[in-house]
Amino acid sequence: MASEARSTRTAELFRDGLTREFRNLWHHPFISAADQLAVMGNRAVATFTQHAAAIELLLTAGVVIDPVDYTPPLTFTPHEDGTITIP
């Protein structure tokens, strides 16, 4: 039972980190999402893809995540060069 509790706690910490960074990108008080995406450059699409895979892993494992914590609040456009823009 202790290992199950540890596993659950690890998944919750992983979820908390993902949701914290998601909020930081989309709801930062001083830096717009567009500016952060510009800094990410051609790593943006890979980062979004990895984030989506991590969320899917947690949801599949039964970890509860509010959709507001993984659904982007703005429309974005991924580009073949790996960048993402917000129209």
Protein backbone atom coordinates (compact mmCIF):
# COMPACT_ATOMS: atom_id res chain seq x y z
CA MET A 1 0.00 0.00 0.00
CA ALA A 2 2.85 2.39 0.72
CA SER A 3 4.19 2.00 -2.81
CA GLU A 4 0.72 2.77 -4.24
CA ALA A 5 0.54 5.94 -2.14
CA ARG A 6 4.03 6.91 -3.29
CA SER A 7 3.06 6.28 -6.91
CA THR A 8 -0.08 8.39 -6.53
CA ARG A 9 1.90 11.20 -4.91
CA THR A 10 4.48 11.10 -7.71
CA ALA A 11 1.75 11.36 -10.33
CA GLU A 12 0.17 14.28 -8.45
CA LEU A 13 3.49 16.11 -8.27
CA PHE A 14 3.99 15.53 -12.01
CA ARG A 15 0.48 16.88 -12.65
CA ASP A 16 1.14 19.91 -10.44
CA GLY A 17 4.33 20.74 -12.33
CA LEU A 18 2.62 20.43 -15.70
CA THR A 19 -0.33 22.58 -14.68
CA ARG A 20 1.97 25.20 -13.09
CA GLU A 21 3.97 25.55 -16.30
CA PHE A 22 0.79 25.55 -18.41
CA ARG A 23 -0.61 28.43 -16.35
CA ASN A 24 2.74 30.20 -16.50
CA LEU A 25 2.64 30.15 -20.30
CA TRP A 26 -0.97 31.13 -20.81
CA HIS A 27 -1.63 33.34 -17.78
CA HIS A 28 1.67 35.00 -16.86
CA PRO A 29 1.05 38.42 -15.34
CA PHE A 30 3.92 40.15 -17.17
CA ILE A 31 4.91 38.11 -20.24
CA SER A 32 2.36 37.34 -22.95
CA ALA A 33 1.96 33.83 -24.28
CA ALA A 34 2.95 35.12 -27.74
CA ASP A 35 6.22 36.51 -26.37
CA GLN A 36 6.98 33.28 -24.52
CA LEU A 37 6.28 31.26 -27.66
CA ALA A 38 8.62 33.53 -29.61
CA VAL A 39 11.38 32.80 -27.09
CA MET A 40 10.70 29.06 -27.38
CA GLY A 41 11.30 29.40 -31.12
CA ASN A 42 11.44 26.15 -33.05
CA ARG A 43 11.14 24.11 -29.82
CA ALA A 44 7.53 25.21 -29.25
CA VAL A 45 5.77 22.45 -31.21
CA ALA A 46 7.90 19.75 -29.57
CA THR A 47 7.19 21.23 -26.15
CA PHE A 48 3.44 21.31 -26.81
CA THR A 49 3.53 17.75 -28.14
CA GLN A 50 5.42 16.50 -25.09
CA HIS A 51 3.05 18.34 -22.76
CA ALA A 52 0.02 16.78 -24.48
CA ALA A 53 1.59 13.31 -24.20
CA ALA A 54 2.29 13.82 -20.50
CA ILE A 55 -1.28 14.98 -19.85
CA GLU A 56 -2.62 11.98 -21.78
CA LEU A 57 -0.42 9.64 -19.72
CA LEU A 58 -1.71 11.07 -16.46
CA LEU A 59 -5.36 11.05 -17.57
CA THR A 60 -5.03 7.45 -18.77
CA ALA A 61 -3.55 6.54 -15.37
CA GLY A 62 -6.62 8.00 -13.68
CA VAL A 63 -5.07 11.20 -12.38
CA VAL A 64 -7.70 13.90 -12.08
CA ILE A 65 -6.85 17.07 -14.00
CA ASP A 66 -9.27 19.93 -14.57
CA PRO A 67 -9.55 20.53 -18.34
CA VAL A 68 -8.93 24.23 -17.72
CA ASP A 69 -5.42 23.20 -16.65
CA TYR A 70 -4.53 21.66 -20.01
CA THR A 71 -6.80 23.27 -22.59
CA PRO A 72 -5.19 26.37 -24.14
CA PRO A 73 -7.41 29.43 -23.69
CA LEU A 74 -6.31 30.91 -27.02
CA THR A 75 -6.19 29.59 -30.56
CA PHE A 76 -2.63 28.86 -31.70
CA THR A 77 -1.05 27.84 -34.97
CA PRO A 78 1.80 25.30 -35.07
CA HIS A 79 4.21 25.67 -37.99
CA GLU A 80 6.38 23.13 -39.80
CA ASP A 81 9.53 24.88 -38.56
CA GLY A 82 8.55 24.04 -34.98
CA THR A 83 7.34 27.50 -34.00
CA ILE A 84 3.89 28.35 -32.75
CA THR A 85 2.08 31.64 -33.22
CA ILE A 86 -1.09 33.07 -31.74
CA PRO A 87 -3.19 34.68 -34.46
